[in-house]
Each structure stands twice: as C-alpha cells, then as structure tokens.
Amino acid sequence: MNRRKNILLQTAPDFLNLLSDPTMFSNREMSRLFGVHFLNAMAKEADEENKIAKVRRTGGHSQSSRRP
C-alpha cells in the first residue's frame, strides 16, 4: 500500500483518496493500475525527462558534436 501511495503522491496527489478504501479495487485492478506496465511507463518517462533536462543544461548541443 505504501508503494502505491508514494506513486500517487508523485504522479497524481489529487487521487490519493482512491487508496483510502482497500475494497475499491480488486487485486487484478490494482495490478493493472500499479503493475509492471505502469512502472515501466513511468521509468521511460523519467528517462526521457532526464534526457531533455540534460540537453537543456548543455544548451541543446552535444559535447561530441562540437568541432574544434
């Protein structure tokens, strides 16, 4: 339950009340909401955000593409 709460805190804090009633979702629904596919999608999105932030920090230019 704590993992799900932490995920919602980071992604959609307005929906924390969905976790207040443990009978609201079946185990299968919880697995679909917070399972492997969801976590993989979150990891992919975080990786993309990190790449974008890295490009912004370098001013949009890659170090290896600069000519002497």
PDB file of N, CA and C in Angstrom:
ATOM      1  N   MET A   1       0.828  -1.193   0.000  1.00  0.00           N
ATOM      2  CA  MET A   1       0.000   0.000   0.000  1.00  0.00           C
ATOM      3  C   MET A   1       0.871   1.255   0.000  1.00  0.00           C
ATOM      4  N   ASN A   2       1.993   1.235   0.704  1.00  0.00           N
ATOM      5  CA  ASN A   2       2.857   2.413   0.751  1.00  0.00           C
ATOM      6  C   ASN A   2       3.443   2.743  -0.613  1.00  0.00           C
ATOM      7  N   ARG A   3       3.782   1.696  -1.378  1.00  0.00           N
ATOM      8  CA  ARG A   3       4.335   1.925  -2.716  1.00  0.00           C
ATOM      9  C   ARG A   3       3.301   2.624  -3.590  1.00  0.00           C
ATOM     10  N   ARG A   4       2.070   2.155  -3.534  1.00  0.00           N
ATOM     11  CA  ARG A   4       1.010   2.775  -4.326  1.00  0.00           C
ATOM     12  C   ARG A   4       0.783   4.217  -3.900  1.00  0.00           C
ATOM     13  N   LYS A   5       0.814   4.445  -2.603  1.00  0.00           N
ATOM     14  CA  LYS A   5       0.617   5.802  -2.092  1.00  0.00           C
ATOM     15  C   LYS A   5       1.744   6.718  -2.574  1.00  0.00           C
ATOM     16  N   ASN A   6       2.960   6.240  -2.518  1.00  0.00           N
ATOM     17  CA  ASN A   6       4.100   7.042  -2.974  1.00  0.00           C
ATOM     18  C   ASN A   6       4.007   7.344  -4.464  1.00  0.00           C
ATOM     19  N   ILE A   7       3.550   6.360  -5.245  1.00  0.00           N
ATOM     20  CA  ILE A   7       3.394   6.584  -6.681  1.00  0.00           C
ATOM     21  C   ILE A   7       2.366   7.677  -6.923  1.00  0.00           C
ATOM     22  N   LEU A   8       1.229   7.591  -6.234  1.00  0.00           N
ATOM     23  CA  LEU A   8       0.197   8.611  -6.416  1.00  0.00           C
ATOM     24  C   LEU A   8       0.648   9.975  -5.916  1.00  0.00           C
ATOM     25  N   LEU A   9       1.402   9.995  -4.834  1.00  0.00           N
ATOM     26  CA  LEU A   9       1.906  11.277  -4.328  1.00  0.00           C
ATOM     27  C   LEU A   9       2.746  11.985  -5.384  1.00  0.00           C
ATOM     28  N   GLN A  10       3.524  11.209  -6.143  1.00  0.00           N
ATOM     29  CA  GLN A  10       4.404  11.789  -7.153  1.00  0.00           C
ATOM     30  C   GLN A  10       3.685  12.098  -8.463  1.00  0.00           C
ATOM     31  N   THR A  11       2.681  11.290  -8.798  1.00  0.00           N
ATOM     32  CA  THR A  11       2.062  11.424 -10.119  1.00  0.00           C
ATOM     33  C   THR A  11       0.712  12.123 -10.119  1.00  0.00           C
ATOM     34  N   ALA A  12      -0.101  11.868  -9.095  1.00  0.00           N
ATOM     35  CA  ALA A  12      -1.451  12.434  -9.079  1.00  0.00           C
ATOM     36  C   ALA A  12      -1.951  12.560  -7.641  1.00  0.00           C
ATOM     37  N   PRO A  13      -1.408  13.504  -6.880  1.00  0.00           N
ATOM     38  CA  PRO A  13      -1.773  13.606  -5.456  1.00  0.00           C
ATOM     39  C   PRO A  13      -3.252  13.865  -5.208  1.00  0.00           C
ATOM     40  N   ASP A  14      -3.961  14.413  -6.178  1.00  0.00           N
ATOM     41  CA  ASP A  14      -5.391  14.660  -6.005  1.00  0.00           C
ATOM     42  C   ASP A  14      -6.200  13.366  -5.911  1.00  0.00           C
ATOM     43  N   PHE A  15      -5.607  12.247  -6.311  1.00  0.00           N
ATOM     44  CA  PHE A  15      -6.321  10.980  -6.324  1.00  0.00           C
ATOM     45  C   PHE A  15      -5.940  10.050  -5.179  1.00  0.00           C
ATOM     46  N   LEU A  16      -5.272  10.569  -4.166  1.00  0.00           N
ATOM     47  CA  LEU A  16      -4.891   9.742  -3.019  1.00  0.00           C
ATOM     48  C   LEU A  16      -6.099   9.103  -2.342  1.00  0.00           C
ATOM     49  N   ASN A  17      -7.238   9.762  -2.404  1.00  0.00           N
ATOM     50  CA  ASN A  17      -8.430   9.213  -1.770  1.00  0.00           C
ATOM     51  C   ASN A  17      -8.847   7.877  -2.381  1.00  0.00           C
ATOM     52  N   LEU A  18      -8.397   7.557  -3.582  1.00  0.00           N
ATOM     53  CA  LEU A  18      -8.711   6.270  -4.191  1.00  0.00           C
ATOM     54  C   LEU A  18      -8.141   5.105  -3.390  1.00  0.00           C
ATOM     55  N   LEU A  19      -7.095   5.370  -2.623  1.00  0.00           N
ATOM     56  CA  LEU A  19      -6.473   4.307  -1.841  1.00  0.00           C
ATOM     57  C   LEU A  19      -7.053   4.189  -0.436  1.00  0.00           C
ATOM     58  N   SER A  20      -7.951   5.076  -0.078  1.00  0.00           N
ATOM     59  CA  SER A  20      -8.476   5.066   1.293  1.00  0.00           C
ATOM     60  C   SER A  20      -9.342   3.844   1.579  1.00  0.00           C
ATOM     61  N   ASP A  21     -10.003   3.299   0.570  1.00  0.00           N
ATOM     62  CA  ASP A  21     -10.847   2.122   0.748  1.00  0.00           C
ATOM     63  C   ASP A  21     -10.210   0.937   0.027  1.00  0.00           C
ATOM     64  N   PRO A  22      -9.650  -0.025   0.773  1.00  0.00           N
ATOM     65  CA  PRO A  22      -8.957  -1.147   0.130  1.00  0.00           C
ATOM     66  C   PRO A  22      -9.867  -2.052  -0.698  1.00  0.00           C
ATOM     67  N   THR A  23     -11.178  -1.939  -0.513  1.00  0.00           N
ATOM     68  CA  THR A  23     -12.094  -2.776  -1.289  1.00  0.00           C
ATOM     69  C   THR A  23     -12.550  -2.098  -2.577  1.00  0.00           C
ATOM     70  N   MET A  24     -12.068  -0.893  -2.833  1.00  0.00           N
ATOM     71  CA  MET A  24     -12.487  -0.143  -4.019  1.00  0.00           C
ATOM     72  C   MET A  24     -12.042  -0.838  -5.306  1.00  0.00           C
ATOM     73  N   PHE A  25     -10.853  -1.437  -5.294  1.00  0.00           N
ATOM     74  CA  PHE A  25     -10.315  -2.115  -6.468  1.00  0.00           C
ATOM     75  C   PHE A  25      -9.960  -3.545  -6.122  1.00  0.00           C
ATOM     76  N   SER A  26     -10.171  -4.438  -7.081  1.00  0.00           N
ATOM     77  CA  SER A  26      -9.756  -5.828  -6.889  1.00  0.00           C
ATOM     78  C   SER A  26      -8.232  -5.909  -7.019  1.00  0.00           C
ATOM     79  N   ASN A  27      -7.672  -7.043  -6.651  1.00  0.00           N
ATOM     80  CA  ASN A  27      -6.225  -7.230  -6.791  1.00  0.00           C
ATOM     81  C   ASN A  27      -5.802  -7.099  -8.248  1.00  0.00           C
ATOM     82  N   ARG A  28      -6.632  -7.604  -9.139  1.00  0.00           N
ATOM     83  CA  ARG A  28      -6.316  -7.518 -10.571  1.00  0.00           C
ATOM     84  C   ARG A  28      -6.311  -6.059 -11.040  1.00  0.00           C
ATOM     85  N   GLU A  29      -7.284  -5.294 -10.585  1.00  0.00           N
ATOM     86  CA  GLU A  29      -7.332  -3.878 -10.960  1.00  0.00           C
ATOM     87  C   GLU A  29      -6.141  -3.122 -10.383  1.00  0.00           C
ATOM     88  N   MET A  30      -5.784  -3.429  -9.149  1.00  0.00           N
ATOM     89  CA  MET A  30      -4.615  -2.776  -8.540  1.00  0.00           C
ATOM     90  C   MET A  30      -3.342  -3.120  -9.310  1.00  0.00           C
ATOM     91  N   SER A  31      -3.259  -4.371  -9.745  1.00  0.00           N
ATOM     92  CA  SER A  31      -2.096  -4.780 -10.525  1.00  0.00           C
ATOM     93  C   SER A  31      -2.031  -4.023 -11.843  1.00  0.00           C
ATOM     94  N   ARG A  32      -3.182  -3.828 -12.454  1.00  0.00           N
ATOM     95  CA  ARG A  32      -3.208  -3.072 -13.715  1.00  0.00           C
ATOM     96  C   ARG A  32      -2.880  -1.609 -13.493  1.00  0.00           C
ATOM     97  N   LEU A  33      -3.344  -1.051 -12.386  1.00  0.00           N
ATOM     98  CA  LEU A  33      -3.095   0.363 -12.107  1.00  0.00           C
ATOM     99  C   LEU A  33      -1.654   0.641 -11.707  1.00  0.00           C
ATOM    100  N   PHE A  34      -1.066  -0.284 -10.937  1.00  0.00           N
ATOM    101  CA  PHE A  34       0.269  -0.032 -10.380  1.00  0.00           C
ATOM    102  C   PHE A  34       1.242  -1.161 -10.694  1.00  0.00           C
ATOM    103  N   GLY A  35       0.971  -1.923 -11.719  1.00  0.00           N
ATOM    104  CA  GLY A  35       1.788  -3.081 -12.052  1.00  0.00           C
ATOM    105  C   GLY A  35       3.007  -2.744 -12.894  1.00  0.00           C
ATOM    106  N   VAL A  36       3.562  -3.779 -13.473  1.00  0.00           N
ATOM    107  CA  VAL A  36       4.810  -3.678 -14.234  1.00  0.00           C
ATOM    108  C   VAL A  36       4.700  -2.707 -15.410  1.00  0.00           C
ATOM    109  N   HIS A  37       3.601  -2.771 -16.140  1.00  0.00           N
ATOM    110  CA  HIS A  37       3.459  -1.895 -17.307  1.00  0.00           C
ATOM    111  C   HIS A  37       3.442  -0.426 -16.896  1.00  0.00           C
ATOM    112  N   PHE A  38       2.740  -0.140 -15.814  1.00  0.00           N
ATOM    113  CA  PHE A  38       2.680   1.235 -15.319  1.00  0.00           C
ATOM    114  C   PHE A  38       4.061   1.707 -14.871  1.00  0.00           C
ATOM    115  N   LEU A  39       4.745   0.860 -14.105  1.00  0.00           N
ATOM    116  CA  LEU A  39       6.070   1.247 -13.614  1.00  0.00           C
ATOM    117  C   LEU A  39       7.070   1.393 -14.750  1.00  0.00           C
ATOM    118  N   ASN A  40       6.978   0.525 -15.758  1.00  0.00           N
ATOM    119  CA  ASN A  40       7.866   0.663 -16.923  1.00  0.00           C
ATOM    120  C   ASN A  40       7.594   1.960 -17.667  1.00  0.00           C
ATOM    121  N   ALA A  41       6.324   2.319 -17.807  1.00  0.00           N
ATOM    122  CA  ALA A  41       5.977   3.578 -18.473  1.00  0.00           C
ATOM    123  C   ALA A  41       6.493   4.771 -17.678  1.00  0.00           C
ATOM    124  N   MET A  42       6.392   4.701 -16.354  1.00  0.00           N
ATOM    125  CA  MET A  42       6.914   5.790 -15.520  1.00  0.00           C
ATOM    126  C   MET A  42       8.427   5.899 -15.641  1.00  0.00           C
ATOM    127  N   ALA A  43       9.109   4.755 -15.661  1.00  0.00           N
ATOM    128  CA  ALA A  43      10.566   4.759 -15.793  1.00  0.00           C
ATOM    129  C   ALA A  43      10.981   5.336 -17.146  1.00  0.00           C
ATOM    130  N   LYS A  44      10.248   4.979 -18.205  1.00  0.00           N
ATOM    131  CA  LYS A  44      10.549   5.509 -19.535  1.00  0.00           C
ATOM    132  C   LYS A  44      10.355   7.020 -19.566  1.00  0.00           C
ATOM    133  N   GLU A  45       9.272   7.486 -18.972  1.00  0.00           N
ATOM    134  CA  GLU A  45       9.005   8.919 -18.939  1.00  0.00           C
ATOM    135  C   GLU A  45      10.070   9.666 -18.147  1.00  0.00           C
ATOM    136  N   ALA A  46      10.481   9.110 -17.019  1.00  0.00           N
ATOM    137  CA  ALA A  46      11.526   9.740 -16.207  1.00  0.00           C
ATOM    138  C   ALA A  46      12.835   9.798 -16.984  1.00  0.00           C
ATOM    139  N   ASP A  47      13.149   8.740 -17.720  1.00  0.00           N
ATOM    140  CA  ASP A  47      14.367   8.719 -18.526  1.00  0.00           C
ATOM    141  C   ASP A  47      14.322   9.800 -19.610  1.00  0.00           C
ATOM    142  N   GLU A  48      13.166   9.931 -20.251  1.00  0.00           N
ATOM    143  CA  GLU A  48      13.017  10.961 -21.274  1.00  0.00           C
ATOM    144  C   GLU A  48      13.142  12.364 -20.681  1.00  0.00           C
ATOM    145  N   GLU A  49      12.558  12.570 -19.514  1.00  0.00           N
ATOM    146  CA  GLU A  49      12.673  13.874 -18.854  1.00  0.00           C
ATOM    147  C   GLU A  49      14.116  14.185 -18.489  1.00  0.00           C
ATOM    148  N   ASN A  50      14.856  13.175 -18.046  1.00  0.00           N
ATOM    149  CA  ASN A  50      16.271  13.375 -17.725  1.00  0.00           C
ATOM    150  C   ASN A  50      17.073  13.734 -18.966  1.00  0.00           C
ATOM    151  N   LYS A  51      16.768  13.086 -20.089  1.00  0.00           N
ATOM    152  CA  LYS A  51      17.468  13.398 -21.340  1.00  0.00           C
ATOM    153  C   LYS A  51      17.178  14.827 -21.780  1.00  0.00           C
ATOM    154  N   ILE A  52      15.919  15.248 -21.660  1.00  0.00           N
ATOM    155  CA  ILE A  52      15.550  16.619 -22.032  1.00  0.00           C
ATOM    156  C   ILE A  52      16.256  17.620 -21.123  1.00  0.00           C
ATOM    157  N   ALA A  53      16.296  17.336 -19.833  1.00  0.00           N
ATOM    158  CA  ALA A  53      16.971  18.234 -18.891  1.00  0.00           C
ATOM    159  C   ALA A  53      18.459  18.324 -19.210  1.00  0.00           C
ATOM    160  N   LYS A  54      19.045  17.211 -19.603  1.00  0.00           N
ATOM    161  CA  LYS A  54      20.471  17.191 -19.945  1.00  0.00           C
ATOM    162  C   LYS A  54      20.735  18.051 -21.183  1.00  0.00           C
ATOM    163  N   VAL A  55      19.856  17.962 -22.179  1.00  0.00           N
ATOM    164  CA  VAL A  55      20.000  18.777 -23.390  1.00  0.00           C
ATOM    165  C   VAL A  55      19.873  20.251 -23.042  1.00  0.00           C
ATOM    166  N   ARG A  56      18.923  20.576 -22.166  1.00  0.00           N
ATOM    167  CA  ARG A  56      18.753  21.977 -21.759  1.00  0.00           C
ATOM    168  C   ARG A  56      20.005  22.511 -21.067  1.00  0.00           C
ATOM    169  N   ARG A  57      20.602  21.673 -20.214  1.00  0.00           N
ATOM    170  CA  ARG A  57      21.805  22.110 -19.491  1.00  0.00           C
ATOM    171  C   ARG A  57      22.973  22.372 -20.430  1.00  0.00           C
ATOM    172  N   THR A  58      23.053  21.615 -21.523  1.00  0.00           N
ATOM    173  CA  THR A  58      24.161  21.798 -22.467  1.00  0.00           C
ATOM    174  C   THR A  58      23.812  22.810 -23.547  1.00  0.00           C
ATOM    175  N   GLY A  59      22.672  23.434 -23.442  1.00  0.00           N
ATOM    176  CA  GLY A  59      22.276  24.441 -24.424  1.00  0.00           C
ATOM    177  C   GLY A  59      21.817  23.858 -25.732  1.00  0.00           C
ATOM    178  N   GLY A  60      21.425  22.586 -25.708  1.00  0.00           N
ATOM    179  CA  GLY A  60      20.923  21.961 -26.923  1.00  0.00           C
ATOM    180  C   GLY A  60      22.001  21.364 -27.802  1.00  0.00           C
ATOM    181  N   HIS A  61      23.239  21.441 -27.380  1.00  0.00           N
ATOM    182  CA  HIS A  61      24.349  20.914 -28.170  1.00  0.00           C
ATOM    183  C   HIS A  61      25.017  19.758 -27.432  1.00  0.00           C
ATOM    184  N   SER A  62      25.299  18.718 -28.148  1.00  0.00           N
ATOM    185  CA  SER A  62      26.002  17.586 -27.572  1.00  0.00           C
ATOM    186  C   SER A  62      27.488  17.897 -27.547  1.00  0.00           C
ATOM    187  N   GLN A  63      28.158  17.462 -26.508  1.00  0.00           N
ATOM    188  CA  GLN A  63      29.607  17.695 -26.392  1.00  0.00           C
ATOM    189  C   GLN A  63      30.355  17.037 -27.547  1.00  0.00           C
ATOM    190  N   SER A  64      29.893  15.844 -27.978  1.00  0.00           N
ATOM    191  CA  SER A  64      30.621  15.122 -29.015  1.00  0.00           C
ATOM    192  C   SER A  64      30.426  15.715 -30.408  1.00  0.00           C
ATOM    193  N   SER A  65      29.420  16.555 -30.584  1.00  0.00           N
ATOM    194  CA  SER A  65      29.170  17.108 -31.911  1.00  0.00           C
ATOM    195  C   SER A  65      29.877  18.430 -32.160  1.00  0.00           C
ATOM    196  N   ARG A  66      30.554  18.947 -31.178  1.00  0.00           N
ATOM    197  CA  ARG A  66      31.277  20.210 -31.365  1.00  0.00           C
ATOM    198  C   ARG A  66      32.533  20.000 -32.158  1.00  0.00           C
ATOM    199  N   ARG A  67      32.801  20.934 -33.050  1.00  0.00           N
ATOM    200  CA  ARG A  67      34.022  20.841 -33.875  1.00  0.00           C
ATOM    201  C   ARG A  67      35.095  21.722 -33.270  1.00  0.00           C
ATOM    202  N   PRO A  68      36.341  21.275 -33.361  1.00  0.00           N
ATOM    203  CA  PRO A  68      37.445  22.083 -32.801  1.00  0.00           C
ATOM    204  C   PRO A  68      37.723  23.321 -33.601  1.00  0.00           C
TER     205      PRO A  68
END
